[in-house]
Amino acid sequence: MNRREFLKTGAGGVAMALTGCATGAKDDGIRNVRAEPSELQARKRAALEAAEELGPTMTNVDVRRRREIPGKRAAFYLDDVMFLFVDLVRENPKSCWDHFLLRAFKDAHEKYGITAQFNVFYRNDFFYGARGAEFTLKNVPAKWRDEFQAAKDWFRFGFHSYAEFPDYPWINASYDDVKFTWEAIAREVERFAGPGMFARAVTPHWGPMSKEGCVALRDCGAKAIWCSAGKRYKYTGDRTVLPYGHGMRIENQRKPETAMYWRPGGGDDISVSACGYNHLLPEQVKITRGTYNWLHDRDTGCNFMTFGCGAPCLNLYRLEDIPARMSQVIGNEFLIHATHEEYWFKHYFAYQPDSREKLFASFKATYEAGYKYFFIEDKIDW
């Protein structure tokens, strides 16, 4: 869920991982490009499991399901979107589809019938320069509004965060912070892209969201909220259990629901992660994973489900492994796959020049398996 997932590894480590040298693993195996040695992973897991295991955050739920099953469906989203807007303003193309990122998705829609949700930041970050941090969605002109409107049956923008940093921005968020950010993003999206262009399924930046933040999302119109998944463990105060800086994020204005869990599939370097209210225990995961089911939480009035179904986050895998990774989830009645914007851009230190090819490889797999695309929120029909 984050733009800085590679920072701990560093550019050199990224290059080694991408060429199969990070862990000494054989190149013919499917593996995460940030895979860590098994010994290190075992130490991390042991440290986590030494903490007190906690119960579920949601204890008053209804299991719900789409009334009409429209065959096998898939959805796709792109997280951390901001470089696109900076480019559009700087380059000022006649058509928004002239930008290489938007062109890739338009080509994929025309070839495979895909839908896409771009989850956006409200402003750029100081991490990329003080002047760059002045850039916000207010800078995006409305000159491409008609083009966006013409595409709204398959393309939308969605809520992610106010800015890229800090990590885990919503882990202990107030109701007002979430509502303020949603309204700021939605207001600008409607201005430059027109009505009906704002998605109602939410993947919070880094994932975890506080309980009152979830209520704020509901009040703003969110229909579905992403959930982390796995056993929950009490945070012990030992910051060394978590990646650098993440312990301090847990501690700052800490909410009672804030805890830790084992995060598979997000990169081994963040395998021990923080979790918030939007978290499902393993038995709850089984209800929603890869299906048309979701959990309606009576305490918050929110609809929760795992957006993950085992499909790859494309920037975490080598191009040659994408078809095999997709084959592992083909057969689910509903699958979601995703990637992150930054790996498409040459100036990003962990740039992946084959990002377009990875995208098309994943879409080809779903298309050939007979999946039709819709938006994540379309799963919720009552």
Protein backbone atom coordinates (compact mmCIF):
# COMPACT_ATOMS: atom_id res chain seq x y z
CA MET A 1 0.00 0.00 0.00
CA ASN A 2 2.97 2.36 0.00
CA ARG A 3 5.41 4.12 -2.26
CA ARG A 4 8.42 3.57 -0.02
CA GLU A 5 8.28 -0.22 0.33
CA PHE A 6 11.72 -0.57 -1.23
CA LEU A 7 13.54 2.00 0.92
CA LYS A 8 14.75 -0.43 3.53
CA THR A 9 16.28 -2.64 0.88
CA GLY A 10 17.92 0.26 -0.95
CA ALA A 11 18.56 0.65 -4.66
CA GLY A 12 21.39 -1.85 -4.67
CA GLY A 13 19.30 -4.42 -2.88
CA VAL A 14 16.47 -3.87 -5.32
CA ALA A 15 18.72 -4.51 -8.27
CA MET A 16 20.02 -7.70 -6.68
CA ALA A 17 16.51 -8.86 -5.87
CA LEU A 18 15.28 -8.19 -9.37
CA THR A 19 18.11 -10.27 -10.82
CA GLY A 20 17.62 -13.13 -8.40
CA CYS A 21 20.54 -12.39 -6.08
CA ALA A 22 18.85 -11.08 -2.95
CA THR A 23 18.45 -14.38 -1.14
CA GLY A 24 20.36 -16.87 -3.19
CA ALA A 25 17.08 -18.42 -4.37
CA LYS A 26 17.02 -20.13 -7.74
CA ASP A 27 15.70 -18.03 -10.60
CA ASP A 28 13.25 -20.70 -11.73
CA GLY A 29 11.08 -20.31 -8.61
CA ILE A 30 8.19 -17.90 -8.11
CA ARG A 31 9.17 -15.50 -5.36
CA ASN A 32 8.68 -12.01 -4.10
CA VAL A 33 11.41 -9.68 -5.37
CA ARG A 34 11.97 -8.54 -1.78
CA ALA A 35 12.22 -12.05 -0.34
CA GLU A 36 14.36 -12.23 2.79
CA PRO A 37 16.37 -15.22 4.06
CA SER A 38 14.20 -17.80 5.78
CA GLU A 39 16.25 -17.47 8.98
CA LEU A 40 15.45 -13.78 9.22
CA GLN A 41 11.78 -14.41 8.58
CA ALA A 42 11.74 -17.08 11.27
CA ARG A 43 13.22 -14.65 13.80
CA LYS A 44 10.62 -12.05 12.91
CA ARG A 45 7.77 -14.50 13.26
CA ALA A 46 9.07 -15.78 16.59
CA ALA A 47 9.29 -12.22 17.95
CA LEU A 48 5.73 -11.53 16.85
CA GLU A 49 4.28 -14.74 18.23
CA ALA A 50 5.95 -14.11 21.58
CA ALA A 51 3.52 -11.22 22.05
CA GLU A 52 0.00 -11.65 23.45
CA GLU A 53 -2.52 -12.88 20.87
CA LEU A 54 -5.65 -10.75 20.63
CA GLY A 55 -9.21 -11.41 19.57
CA PRO A 56 -11.10 -9.87 16.63
CA THR A 57 -11.78 -6.17 16.24
CA MET A 58 -15.19 -6.92 14.73
CA THR A 59 -17.46 -9.09 16.85
CA ASN A 60 -20.93 -8.01 15.71
CA VAL A 61 -21.13 -8.80 12.01
CA ASP A 62 -23.49 -10.09 9.35
CA VAL A 63 -22.21 -12.17 6.45
CA ARG A 64 -23.62 -10.72 3.25
CA ARG A 65 -23.40 -11.74 -0.37
CA ARG A 66 -24.35 -10.37 -3.78
CA ARG A 67 -27.92 -11.34 -4.57
CA GLU A 68 -27.18 -12.02 -8.21
CA ILE A 69 -23.93 -13.71 -9.22
CA PRO A 70 -22.89 -12.34 -12.63
CA GLY A 71 -20.33 -15.05 -13.37
CA LYS A 72 -16.65 -14.70 -12.55
CA ARG A 73 -15.54 -11.13 -12.00
CA ALA A 74 -12.22 -9.34 -11.48
CA ALA A 75 -11.20 -5.85 -10.38
CA PHE A 76 -7.98 -3.87 -10.48
CA TYR A 77 -6.58 -0.88 -8.60
CA LEU A 78 -3.45 1.25 -8.70
CA ASP A 79 -2.20 2.75 -5.43
CA ASP A 80 -0.06 5.82 -4.59
CA VAL A 81 -1.12 7.95 -7.57
CA MET A 82 0.47 11.41 -7.69
CA PHE A 83 3.35 11.38 -10.21
CA LEU A 84 0.72 11.10 -12.96
CA PHE A 85 -0.83 14.43 -12.03
CA VAL A 86 2.54 16.16 -11.76
CA ASP A 87 3.34 14.92 -15.28
CA LEU A 88 -0.01 16.00 -16.70
CA VAL A 89 0.37 19.53 -15.39
CA ARG A 90 3.99 19.83 -16.52
CA GLU A 91 3.54 18.24 -19.95
CA ASN A 92 0.03 19.57 -20.62
CA PRO A 93 -0.84 17.02 -23.33
CA LYS A 94 -3.78 17.66 -25.62
CA SER A 95 -5.28 14.35 -24.54
CA CYS A 96 -4.82 12.82 -21.09
CA TRP A 97 -4.51 9.45 -22.83
CA ASP A 98 -1.25 10.64 -24.38
CA HIS A 99 0.40 10.07 -20.99
CA PHE A 100 2.12 6.68 -20.99
CA LEU A 101 0.45 5.47 -17.77
CA LEU A 102 -3.09 6.34 -18.78
CA ARG A 103 -2.43 5.07 -22.31
CA ALA A 104 -1.46 1.66 -20.93
CA PHE A 105 -4.74 1.32 -19.08
CA LYS A 106 -6.81 2.60 -21.99
CA ASP A 107 -5.10 0.09 -24.27
CA ALA A 108 -5.79 -2.66 -21.73
CA HIS A 109 -9.45 -1.65 -21.51
CA GLU A 110 -9.82 -1.74 -25.28
CA LYS A 111 -8.08 -5.12 -25.54
CA TYR A 112 -9.30 -6.91 -22.41
CA GLY A 113 -12.28 -4.90 -21.14
CA ILE A 114 -10.63 -4.05 -17.83
CA THR A 115 -11.74 -1.53 -15.22
CA ALA A 116 -9.25 0.47 -13.16
CA GLN A 117 -9.38 2.42 -9.91
CA PHE A 118 -6.53 4.91 -9.32
CA ASN A 119 -6.15 5.60 -5.58
CA VAL A 120 -4.71 9.09 -5.19
CA PHE A 121 -2.90 11.38 -2.78
CA TYR A 122 -4.17 14.92 -2.29
CA ARG A 123 -0.71 16.45 -2.54
CA ASN A 124 2.85 15.61 -3.46
CA ASP A 125 5.37 15.06 -0.68
CA PHE A 126 8.34 16.96 0.73
CA PHE A 127 10.30 13.75 0.25
CA TYR A 128 10.54 14.77 -3.43
CA GLY A 129 11.53 18.38 -2.69
CA ALA A 130 10.13 21.37 -0.85
CA ARG A 131 8.75 23.03 -3.97
CA GLY A 132 7.33 19.73 -5.16
CA ALA A 133 5.38 19.49 -1.91
CA GLU A 134 3.39 22.57 -2.91
CA PHE A 135 1.71 20.58 -5.68
CA THR A 136 -1.83 19.46 -4.88
CA LEU A 137 -4.82 18.21 -6.84
CA LYS A 138 -5.91 21.86 -7.06
CA ASN A 139 -3.16 22.28 -9.67
CA VAL A 140 -4.79 19.78 -12.03
CA PRO A 141 -6.78 21.61 -14.72
CA ALA A 142 -10.20 20.52 -15.94
CA LYS A 143 -9.14 20.44 -19.61
CA TRP A 144 -9.40 16.61 -19.72
CA ARG A 145 -12.74 16.48 -17.91
CA ASP A 146 -14.69 15.37 -20.99
CA GLU A 147 -12.21 12.56 -21.65
CA PHE A 148 -12.46 11.34 -18.07
CA GLN A 149 -16.25 11.53 -18.21
CA ALA A 150 -16.30 9.44 -21.37
CA ALA A 151 -14.31 6.74 -19.53
CA LYS A 152 -16.16 6.66 -16.22
CA ASP A 153 -17.81 3.32 -16.96
CA TRP A 154 -14.36 1.70 -16.65
CA PHE A 155 -12.02 4.24 -15.00
CA ARG A 156 -12.27 6.06 -11.65
CA PHE A 157 -10.19 7.79 -9.00
CA GLY A 158 -10.34 6.86 -5.31
CA PHE A 159 -9.28 7.82 -1.79
CA HIS A 160 -5.82 6.86 -0.55
CA SER A 161 -4.19 9.49 1.69
CA TYR A 162 -3.47 13.18 2.11
CA ALA A 163 0.18 12.58 1.13
CA GLU A 164 2.63 9.73 0.83
CA PHE A 165 4.28 10.24 4.20
CA PRO A 166 4.16 9.42 7.06
CA ASP A 167 3.84 5.66 6.80
CA TYR A 168 0.61 4.27 8.30
CA PRO A 169 -1.16 7.66 8.14
CA TRP A 170 -4.52 6.25 9.25
CA ILE A 171 -3.44 3.80 11.96
CA ASN A 172 -4.64 6.14 14.75
CA ALA A 173 -6.56 8.66 12.64
CA SER A 174 -9.30 10.89 13.97
CA TYR A 175 -12.73 11.03 12.35
CA ASP A 176 -12.05 14.59 11.24
CA ASP A 177 -8.71 13.78 9.58
CA VAL A 178 -10.30 11.10 7.41
CA LYS A 179 -13.40 13.11 6.54
CA PHE A 180 -11.33 16.20 5.74
CA THR A 181 -9.04 14.24 3.41
CA TRP A 182 -11.87 12.40 1.65
CA GLU A 183 -13.70 15.65 0.99
CA ALA A 184 -10.54 17.40 -0.24
CA ILE A 185 -9.72 14.63 -2.72
CA ALA A 186 -13.32 14.05 -3.86
CA ARG A 187 -13.92 17.76 -4.37
CA GLU A 188 -10.92 18.15 -6.67
CA VAL A 189 -11.61 14.92 -8.56
CA GLU A 190 -15.14 16.06 -9.31
CA ARG A 191 -13.83 19.44 -10.43
CA PHE A 192 -11.25 18.13 -12.91
CA ALA A 193 -12.83 14.80 -13.84
CA GLY A 194 -16.55 15.43 -13.39
CA PRO A 195 -19.32 13.61 -11.47
CA GLY A 196 -19.36 9.85 -11.04
CA MET A 197 -15.56 9.59 -11.18
CA PHE A 198 -14.91 8.93 -7.48
CA ALA A 199 -14.78 5.29 -6.38
CA ARG A 200 -16.55 4.02 -3.26
CA ALA A 201 -14.18 1.17 -2.41
CA VAL A 202 -11.29 2.22 -0.17
CA THR A 203 -7.74 0.93 0.14
CA PRO A 204 -6.21 3.18 2.82
CA HIS A 205 -2.54 4.06 2.34
CA TRP A 206 -0.53 1.28 4.02
CA GLY A 207 -3.87 -0.36 4.88
CA PRO A 208 -4.70 0.06 8.59
CA MET A 209 -7.49 2.44 9.57
CA SER A 210 -8.76 3.40 13.02
CA LYS A 211 -12.31 2.57 14.07
CA GLU A 212 -13.45 6.19 13.98
CA GLY A 213 -11.69 6.55 10.64
CA CYS A 214 -13.77 3.68 9.28
CA VAL A 215 -16.93 5.44 10.48
CA ALA A 216 -15.78 8.59 8.70
CA LEU A 217 -15.28 6.62 5.48
CA ARG A 218 -18.81 5.26 5.80
CA ASP A 219 -20.23 8.73 6.36
CA CYS A 220 -18.38 9.98 3.28
CA GLY A 221 -19.97 7.28 1.13
CA ALA A 222 -17.52 4.38 1.16
CA LYS A 223 -19.24 1.10 0.26
CA ALA A 224 -16.34 -1.29 0.88
CA ILE A 225 -13.21 -1.04 3.04
CA TRP A 226 -10.03 -3.07 2.58
CA CYS A 227 -8.97 -5.32 5.46
CA SER A 228 -5.68 -6.76 6.58
CA ALA A 229 -5.81 -10.38 7.63
CA GLY A 230 -4.27 -12.79 10.11
CA LYS A 231 -3.83 -13.30 13.82
CA ARG A 232 -3.60 -10.10 15.88
CA TYR A 233 -0.90 -9.52 18.47
CA LYS A 234 -0.57 -6.87 21.14
CA TYR A 235 2.13 -4.29 20.54
CA THR A 236 4.70 -4.78 23.30
CA GLY A 237 6.49 -1.47 22.95
CA ASP A 238 9.50 -3.21 21.40
CA ARG A 239 10.05 -1.11 18.27
CA THR A 240 12.62 -3.55 16.90
CA VAL A 241 9.87 -6.06 16.09
CA LEU A 242 8.58 -3.74 13.35
CA PRO A 243 10.29 -2.06 10.39
CA TYR A 244 12.12 1.16 11.16
CA GLY A 245 9.84 3.95 12.33
CA HIS A 246 6.65 1.90 12.36
CA GLY A 247 6.66 1.38 16.12
CA MET A 248 6.54 5.14 16.60
CA ARG A 249 3.56 5.32 14.24
CA ILE A 250 1.72 2.79 16.42
CA GLU A 251 2.53 4.77 19.55
CA ASN A 252 1.54 8.22 18.29
CA GLN A 253 -2.05 8.94 19.47
CA ARG A 254 -2.52 5.22 19.85
CA LYS A 255 -6.03 3.78 19.59
CA PRO A 256 -7.11 0.70 21.57
CA GLU A 257 -7.63 -1.35 18.38
CA THR A 258 -4.08 -0.77 17.10
CA ALA A 259 -2.05 -3.98 17.08
CA MET A 260 0.40 -6.10 15.02
CA TYR A 261 0.04 -8.98 12.57
CA TRP A 262 1.98 -11.12 10.11
CA ARG A 263 1.62 -9.61 6.66
CA PRO A 264 2.28 -12.17 3.92
CA GLY A 265 2.57 -11.07 0.33
CA GLY A 266 3.45 -7.44 1.03
CA GLY A 267 7.20 -7.87 0.91
CA ASP A 268 9.20 -9.75 3.51
CA ASP A 269 10.75 -6.56 4.87
CA ILE A 270 7.31 -5.52 6.16
CA SER A 271 6.12 -9.00 7.12
CA VAL A 272 5.51 -7.84 10.70
CA SER A 273 3.15 -4.90 10.36
CA ALA A 274 0.72 -2.71 12.23
CA CYS A 275 -3.03 -3.27 11.94
CA GLY A 276 -6.05 -1.19 12.84
CA TYR A 277 -9.78 -1.76 13.19
CA ASN A 278 -10.13 -2.96 9.58
CA HIS A 279 -8.62 -6.35 10.28
CA LEU A 280 -9.98 -9.87 9.92
CA LEU A 281 -8.89 -12.95 11.81
CA PRO A 282 -8.15 -16.09 9.74
CA GLU A 283 -11.62 -17.57 10.22
CA GLN A 284 -13.20 -14.29 9.07
CA VAL A 285 -10.88 -14.11 6.07
CA LYS A 286 -12.21 -17.39 4.72
CA ILE A 287 -15.68 -15.87 4.44
CA THR A 288 -14.72 -13.08 2.04
CA ARG A 289 -11.51 -14.15 0.31
CA GLY A 290 -12.02 -14.68 -3.42
CA THR A 291 -15.81 -14.69 -3.10
CA TYR A 292 -18.81 -12.37 -3.46
CA ASN A 293 -19.22 -12.38 0.35
CA TRP A 294 -18.44 -9.49 2.66
CA LEU A 295 -18.85 -8.69 6.35
CA HIS A 296 -21.21 -5.94 7.46
CA ASP A 297 -20.07 -4.63 10.83
CA ARG A 298 -23.07 -3.50 12.87
CA ASP A 299 -20.92 -1.47 15.28
CA THR A 300 -19.64 0.87 12.56
CA GLY A 301 -22.13 0.32 9.75
CA CYS A 302 -19.21 -0.47 7.42
CA ASN A 303 -18.75 -3.23 4.86
CA PHE A 304 -15.42 -5.02 5.18
CA MET A 305 -13.62 -7.62 3.09
CA THR A 306 -10.17 -8.71 2.04
CA PHE A 307 -9.34 -7.16 -1.30
CA GLY A 308 -6.53 -9.68 -1.54
CA CYS A 309 -7.37 -13.09 -2.97
CA GLY A 310 -3.85 -14.40 -3.54
CA ALA A 311 -3.42 -12.51 -6.82
CA PRO A 312 -0.07 -10.76 -7.13
CA CYS A 313 0.73 -7.15 -6.42
CA LEU A 314 2.52 -6.81 -9.74
CA ASN A 315 5.47 -4.70 -8.62
CA LEU A 316 6.47 -7.44 -6.18
CA TYR A 317 7.02 -10.11 -8.84
CA ARG A 318 9.15 -10.65 -11.90
CA LEU A 319 7.44 -10.44 -15.26
CA GLU A 320 8.10 -14.09 -16.04
CA ASP A 321 6.36 -15.14 -12.81
CA ILE A 322 3.13 -13.18 -13.32
CA PRO A 323 1.27 -15.82 -15.39
CA ALA A 324 2.03 -18.55 -12.85
CA ARG A 325 1.06 -16.32 -9.94
CA MET A 326 -2.22 -15.42 -11.65
CA SER A 327 -2.92 -19.09 -12.30
CA GLN A 328 -2.94 -19.66 -8.54
CA VAL A 329 -6.14 -17.60 -8.18
CA ILE A 330 -7.87 -18.32 -11.47
CA GLY A 331 -11.02 -20.17 -10.52
CA ASN A 332 -12.05 -17.85 -7.67
CA GLU A 333 -15.46 -16.37 -8.35
CA PHE A 334 -14.03 -12.92 -7.63
CA LEU A 335 -10.43 -11.77 -7.74
CA ILE A 336 -8.66 -8.46 -7.27
CA HIS A 337 -5.15 -7.62 -8.38
CA ALA A 338 -3.17 -4.42 -8.09
CA THR A 339 0.12 -2.56 -8.37
CA HIS A 340 1.68 0.80 -7.42
CA GLU A 341 2.15 3.85 -9.60
CA GLU A 342 5.72 4.78 -8.73
CA TYR A 343 7.39 1.76 -10.33
CA TRP A 344 6.26 3.04 -13.75
CA PHE A 345 8.33 6.24 -13.51
CA LYS A 346 11.96 6.45 -14.61
CA HIS A 347 12.91 8.99 -11.94
CA TYR A 348 11.80 6.65 -9.14
CA PHE A 349 14.79 4.84 -7.69
CA ALA A 350 13.09 1.44 -7.90
CA TYR A 351 11.75 1.97 -11.43
CA GLN A 352 10.57 -1.21 -13.17
CA PRO A 353 10.74 -0.75 -16.95
CA ASP A 354 8.56 -3.81 -17.56
CA SER A 355 5.58 -2.46 -15.60
CA ARG A 356 3.37 -2.27 -18.69
CA GLU A 357 4.25 -5.82 -19.66
CA LYS A 358 3.44 -7.06 -16.15
CA LEU A 359 0.08 -5.31 -16.32
CA PHE A 360 -0.84 -6.87 -19.64
CA ALA A 361 0.36 -10.31 -18.55
CA SER A 362 -2.04 -10.23 -15.60
CA PHE A 363 -4.96 -8.98 -17.69
CA LYS A 364 -4.31 -11.60 -20.36
CA ALA A 365 -4.57 -14.33 -17.72
CA THR A 366 -7.96 -13.15 -16.46
CA TYR A 367 -9.29 -12.51 -19.96
CA GLU A 368 -8.37 -15.98 -21.19
CA ALA A 369 -9.98 -17.50 -18.09
CA GLY A 370 -13.28 -15.80 -18.87
CA TYR A 371 -13.32 -13.10 -16.20
CA LYS A 372 -15.23 -9.87 -16.73
CA TYR A 373 -14.13 -6.70 -14.93
CA PHE A 374 -16.10 -4.39 -12.71
CA PHE A 375 -15.33 -2.01 -9.84
CA ILE A 376 -14.74 -3.41 -6.36
CA GLU A 377 -17.74 -1.50 -5.02
CA ASP A 378 -19.99 -3.29 -7.51
CA LYS A 379 -19.63 -6.36 -5.30
CA ILE A 380 -21.76 -4.59 -2.68
CA ASP A 381 -25.38 -4.61 -3.83
CA TRP A 382 -27.27 -4.25 -0.54
